[in-house]
Amino acid sequence: MANEIHPTAIVHSDVELGDGITIGPYTIIEKDVKIGDGTTIESAVRIYSGTRIGKNNRIFHGATLGGEPQDLGFNQNIKSFLEIGDENIFRENCTIHRGSKEGNVTRFGNKNYIMGGVHFAHDTQVGNENIIAQNSTIAGHVKIGNKAFISGLVAIHQFARVGDYAMLAGCSKVTKDSPPYSMIDGNPATVIGQNLVGLKRAGFSAEDREKIKHAYKIIYHSGLNFSQAIAKLKEENDPNPYVKNIIEFFETSERGVTDHR
């Protein structure tokens, strides 16, 4: 299938294009960019060098992908990257910066839905099928798992993590790791419960939801500190994969995990 490139778009001769790509008016794509089959790029989009985009993505008006990190120590002479998987949607005016050090990568998986005005700083790592709502701000080196829901105007501190299926309420100030399957709210943000409705909608069985609820009851309501609670969960030796994911998340936290309200 032929590509459709508007005559006012500026596409460097070094850009590697797949098939069936649409590029709208006044879009600028620099050299050393790769774009996969079936991707649609609307008007006035700016795509910088070092950006790699997979198949069947949709990039809406005014988005800026792969720009220089907002890092005072960034060396303009180094080569870093932005890598985007397949079937993602980036709505109007979102901004994503590439890695901050030689060879570093800001990375997105597949089927993420990024709403208008969302900012991703350098070196962020985003998994699959996340929804991130209007005007949220994701600082450098943040890691977001899979199928999380981040509401509008959320601010996430650098190096923090968001676990699988976590739901972050609007305007939350997130300074620590948000554990998987949880609901987060507040300034500063705290855990207010488990995302049980979201898990039910996602097809989690009643047994799995109870296992998750039990694990968090031990972590947040047993009077134990996090280390003691995780040790107790490991003693139970439950093979449930979601419980194991919770244990691994707490054990690998570097910033600390968000407390319960």
Protein backbone atom coordinates (compact mmCIF):
# COMPACT_ATOMS: atom_id res chain seq x y z
CA MET A 1 0.00 0.00 0.00
CA ALA A 2 1.34 3.41 -0.98
CA ASN A 3 2.16 6.08 1.55
CA GLU A 4 0.22 9.34 1.63
CA ILE A 5 2.41 12.34 2.49
CA HIS A 6 0.94 15.84 2.41
CA PRO A 7 2.94 18.20 0.17
CA THR A 8 3.55 20.63 3.05
CA ALA A 9 5.10 17.95 5.28
CA ILE A 10 8.90 17.91 5.59
CA VAL A 11 10.26 14.36 5.73
CA HIS A 12 14.04 13.89 5.70
CA SER A 13 15.38 11.63 2.97
CA ASP A 14 16.98 9.44 5.66
CA VAL A 15 13.62 8.51 7.22
CA GLU A 16 12.74 4.82 6.87
CA LEU A 17 9.03 4.42 6.07
CA GLY A 18 6.98 1.24 5.99
CA ASP A 19 3.85 0.83 3.87
CA GLY A 20 0.44 2.46 4.19
CA ILE A 21 1.66 5.43 6.23
CA THR A 22 -0.21 8.75 6.28
CA ILE A 23 1.63 11.98 7.13
CA GLY A 24 -0.43 15.14 7.50
CA PRO A 25 0.22 18.79 6.66
CA TYR A 26 3.08 20.75 8.25
CA THR A 27 4.51 17.72 10.00
CA ILE A 28 8.33 17.65 10.32
CA ILE A 29 10.25 14.39 10.59
CA GLU A 30 14.02 14.55 11.07
CA LYS A 31 16.67 12.13 9.85
CA ASP A 32 17.32 8.75 11.51
CA VAL A 33 13.64 8.02 12.15
CA LYS A 34 11.88 4.72 11.43
CA ILE A 35 8.09 4.42 11.08
CA GLY A 36 6.25 1.12 10.74
CA ASP A 37 3.41 0.06 8.45
CA GLY A 38 -0.02 1.58 8.78
CA THR A 39 0.91 4.42 11.12
CA THR A 40 -1.07 7.65 10.81
CA ILE A 41 0.61 10.95 11.67
CA GLU A 42 -1.64 13.99 11.66
CA SER A 43 -0.87 17.68 11.13
CA ALA A 44 1.92 19.74 12.74
CA VAL A 45 3.57 16.74 14.42
CA ARG A 46 7.32 16.96 15.14
CA ILE A 47 9.34 13.74 15.23
CA TYR A 48 13.02 14.03 16.15
CA SER A 49 16.06 11.95 15.26
CA GLY A 50 16.46 8.65 17.07
CA THR A 51 12.73 7.89 17.14
CA ARG A 52 11.54 4.39 16.24
CA ILE A 53 7.80 3.91 15.74
CA GLY A 54 6.14 0.53 15.18
CA LYS A 55 3.06 -0.44 13.22
CA ASN A 56 -0.47 0.96 13.20
CA ASN A 57 0.09 3.83 15.63
CA ARG A 58 -2.01 7.02 15.54
CA ILE A 59 -0.28 10.31 16.33
CA PHE A 60 -2.59 13.30 16.58
CA HIS A 61 -2.12 17.00 15.85
CA GLY A 62 0.72 18.81 17.55
CA ALA A 63 2.39 15.83 19.24
CA THR A 64 6.16 16.08 19.74
CA LEU A 65 8.05 12.78 19.84
CA GLY A 66 11.71 12.15 20.63
CA GLY A 67 12.75 15.68 21.56
CA GLU A 68 15.80 16.49 23.64
CA PRO A 69 15.52 15.75 27.38
CA GLN A 70 14.83 18.69 29.65
CA ASP A 71 18.02 17.89 31.53
CA LEU A 72 20.63 20.59 32.17
CA GLY A 73 23.37 17.97 31.89
CA PHE A 74 22.24 16.62 28.51
CA ASN A 75 24.98 16.41 25.90
CA GLN A 76 23.57 17.28 22.48
CA ASN A 77 26.32 15.28 20.78
CA ILE A 78 25.28 11.88 22.16
CA LYS A 79 22.83 9.52 20.48
CA SER A 80 19.78 8.36 22.40
CA PHE A 81 16.40 7.03 21.40
CA LEU A 82 12.64 6.86 21.68
CA GLU A 83 11.13 3.46 20.85
CA ILE A 84 7.39 2.99 20.38
CA GLY A 85 5.69 -0.36 19.80
CA ASP A 86 2.49 -1.07 17.86
CA GLU A 87 -1.10 0.23 17.96
CA ASN A 88 -0.51 3.08 20.37
CA ILE A 89 -2.55 6.29 20.30
CA PHE A 90 -0.95 9.64 21.12
CA ARG A 91 -3.50 12.43 21.27
CA GLU A 92 -3.07 16.13 20.67
CA ASN A 93 0.00 17.99 21.96
CA CYS A 94 1.54 15.20 24.02
CA THR A 95 5.33 15.41 24.40
CA ILE A 96 7.80 12.55 24.79
CA HIS A 97 11.56 12.99 25.22
CA ARG A 98 14.25 10.52 24.26
CA GLY A 99 16.87 9.03 26.60
CA SER A 100 19.24 11.30 28.50
CA LYS A 101 22.53 9.36 28.17
CA GLU A 102 24.43 7.72 25.32
CA GLY A 103 22.32 4.82 24.04
CA ASN A 104 19.51 5.32 26.57
CA VAL A 105 15.96 4.61 25.41
CA THR A 106 12.58 6.03 26.35
CA ARG A 107 10.31 3.09 25.56
CA PHE A 108 6.61 2.36 24.99
CA GLY A 109 5.06 -1.07 24.48
CA ASN A 110 1.83 -1.72 22.60
CA LYS A 111 -1.76 -0.44 22.66
CA ASN A 112 -1.27 2.45 25.06
CA TYR A 113 -3.77 5.30 24.93
CA ILE A 114 -2.12 8.64 25.73
CA MET A 115 -4.53 11.57 25.94
CA GLY A 116 -3.90 15.21 25.09
CA GLY A 117 -1.14 17.24 26.69
CA VAL A 118 0.50 14.37 28.57
CA HIS A 119 4.26 14.78 29.08
CA PHE A 120 6.78 11.93 29.34
CA ALA A 121 10.27 12.92 30.38
CA HIS A 122 13.47 11.16 29.37
CA ASP A 123 14.11 7.46 30.01
CA THR A 124 10.53 6.59 30.98
CA GLN A 125 9.49 2.97 30.43
CA VAL A 126 5.84 2.27 29.63
CA GLY A 127 4.40 -1.23 29.21
CA ASN A 128 1.24 -2.25 27.36
CA GLU A 129 -2.41 -1.16 27.30
CA ASN A 130 -2.10 1.71 29.75
CA ILE A 131 -4.46 4.69 29.69
CA ILE A 132 -3.02 8.04 30.70
CA ALA A 133 -5.42 10.95 30.82
CA GLN A 134 -5.24 14.63 29.97
CA ASN A 135 -2.28 16.76 31.06
CA SER A 136 -0.61 14.26 33.37
CA THR A 137 3.14 14.71 33.85
CA ILE A 138 5.48 11.72 33.99
CA ALA A 139 9.00 12.57 35.20
CA GLY A 140 12.27 11.02 34.09
CA HIS A 141 13.02 7.32 34.61
CA VAL A 142 9.45 6.50 35.69
CA LYS A 143 8.36 2.91 35.00
CA ILE A 144 4.70 2.13 34.25
CA GLY A 145 3.60 -1.50 34.06
CA ASN A 146 0.64 -2.86 32.11
CA LYS A 147 -3.02 -1.85 32.03
CA ALA A 148 -2.68 0.94 34.57
CA PHE A 149 -5.12 3.86 34.50
CA ILE A 150 -3.61 7.26 35.28
CA SER A 151 -6.24 9.98 35.53
CA GLY A 152 -5.91 13.61 34.48
CA LEU A 153 -3.42 16.07 36.00
CA VAL A 154 -1.47 13.39 37.86
CA ALA A 155 2.19 14.21 38.58
CA ILE A 156 4.59 11.29 39.04
CA HIS A 157 8.02 11.87 40.61
CA GLN A 158 11.19 10.76 38.82
CA PHE A 159 12.23 7.12 39.31
CA ALA A 160 8.81 6.17 40.73
CA ARG A 161 6.99 3.09 39.46
CA VAL A 162 3.33 2.35 38.70
CA GLY A 163 2.34 -1.31 39.00
CA ASP A 164 0.07 -3.39 36.77
CA TYR A 165 -3.64 -2.52 36.93
CA ALA A 166 -3.05 0.36 39.36
CA MET A 167 -5.54 3.22 39.15
CA LEU A 168 -4.34 6.73 40.01
CA ALA A 169 -7.00 9.35 40.78
CA GLY A 170 -6.97 12.80 39.19
CA CYS A 171 -4.56 15.43 40.53
CA SER A 172 -2.62 12.90 42.61
CA LYS A 173 0.96 13.79 43.59
CA VAL A 174 2.81 10.49 43.32
CA THR A 175 6.22 10.49 45.01
CA LYS A 176 6.63 6.77 45.75
CA ASP A 177 5.90 3.50 43.95
CA SER A 178 2.22 2.76 43.30
CA PRO A 179 1.69 -0.96 43.94
CA PRO A 180 -0.11 -3.20 41.45
CA TYR A 181 -3.90 -3.68 41.58
CA SER A 182 -4.27 -0.68 43.92
CA MET A 183 -6.14 2.63 43.92
CA ILE A 184 -4.07 5.74 44.60
CA ASP A 185 -5.27 9.24 45.52
CA GLY A 186 -4.17 12.40 47.26
CA ASN A 187 -1.40 14.95 47.72
CA PRO A 188 0.82 13.30 48.67
CA ALA A 189 -0.72 10.17 47.21
CA THR A 190 -1.72 7.22 49.39
CA VAL A 191 -3.24 3.80 48.72
CA ILE A 192 -6.99 4.02 49.34
CA GLY A 193 -7.85 0.42 48.48
CA GLN A 194 -7.61 -2.15 45.73
CA ASN A 195 -8.78 -1.60 42.17
CA LEU A 196 -11.33 -4.39 42.59
CA VAL A 197 -13.87 -3.02 40.11
CA GLY A 198 -11.15 -2.62 37.50
CA LEU A 199 -9.89 -6.13 38.14
CA LYS A 200 -13.41 -7.54 37.80
CA ARG A 201 -13.89 -5.71 34.50
CA ALA A 202 -10.52 -7.05 33.33
CA GLY A 203 -11.68 -10.63 33.91
CA PHE A 204 -9.88 -11.46 37.17
CA SER A 205 -11.62 -14.37 38.88
CA ALA A 206 -13.24 -13.95 42.30
CA GLU A 207 -10.55 -16.22 43.74
CA ASP A 208 -7.74 -14.07 42.32
CA ARG A 209 -9.37 -10.88 43.60
CA GLU A 210 -9.61 -12.40 47.07
CA LYS A 211 -5.96 -13.44 46.94
CA ILE A 212 -4.96 -9.86 46.09
CA LYS A 213 -7.19 -8.50 48.83
CA HIS A 214 -5.68 -10.92 51.35
CA ALA A 215 -2.13 -9.94 50.40
CA TYR A 216 -2.85 -6.24 50.89
CA LYS A 217 -4.64 -6.92 54.17
CA ILE A 218 -1.39 -8.38 55.48
CA ILE A 219 0.71 -5.55 54.01
CA TYR A 220 -1.43 -2.63 55.17
CA HIS A 221 -3.69 -3.83 58.00
CA SER A 222 -1.75 -6.40 60.04
CA GLY A 223 0.35 -3.97 62.06
CA LEU A 224 3.52 -5.26 60.39
CA ASN A 225 6.00 -3.08 58.56
CA PHE A 226 6.48 -3.72 54.85
CA SER A 227 9.49 -6.01 55.30
CA GLN A 228 7.70 -8.12 57.91
CA ALA A 229 4.51 -8.27 55.85
CA ILE A 230 6.35 -9.41 52.74
CA ALA A 231 8.20 -12.04 54.78
CA LYS A 232 4.85 -13.33 56.06
CA LEU A 233 3.44 -13.52 52.54
CA LYS A 234 6.51 -15.46 51.40
CA GLU A 235 6.04 -17.88 54.31
CA GLU A 236 2.52 -18.59 53.07
CA ASN A 237 4.12 -19.67 49.77
CA ASP A 238 1.00 -18.97 47.72
CA PRO A 239 1.72 -19.83 44.06
CA ASN A 240 -0.83 -17.29 42.83
CA PRO A 241 0.96 -15.18 40.16
CA TYR A 242 -0.69 -11.93 41.27
CA VAL A 243 0.47 -12.41 44.86
CA LYS A 244 3.95 -13.17 43.55
CA ASN A 245 3.82 -9.96 41.50
CA ILE A 246 2.93 -7.96 44.62
CA ILE A 247 5.80 -9.51 46.58
CA GLU A 248 8.28 -8.83 43.77
CA PHE A 249 7.09 -5.22 43.45
CA PHE A 250 7.66 -4.47 47.14
CA GLU A 251 11.00 -6.30 47.24
CA THR A 252 12.41 -4.38 44.28
CA SER A 253 11.20 -0.91 45.30
CA GLU A 254 13.94 1.69 45.53
CA ARG A 255 11.90 4.80 46.29
CA GLY A 256 9.62 3.01 48.74
CA VAL A 257 6.00 1.99 48.23
CA THR A 258 3.08 4.33 48.83
CA ASP A 259 1.52 4.07 52.29
CA HIS A 260 -2.13 3.35 53.05
CA ARG A 261 -4.43 6.20 54.04
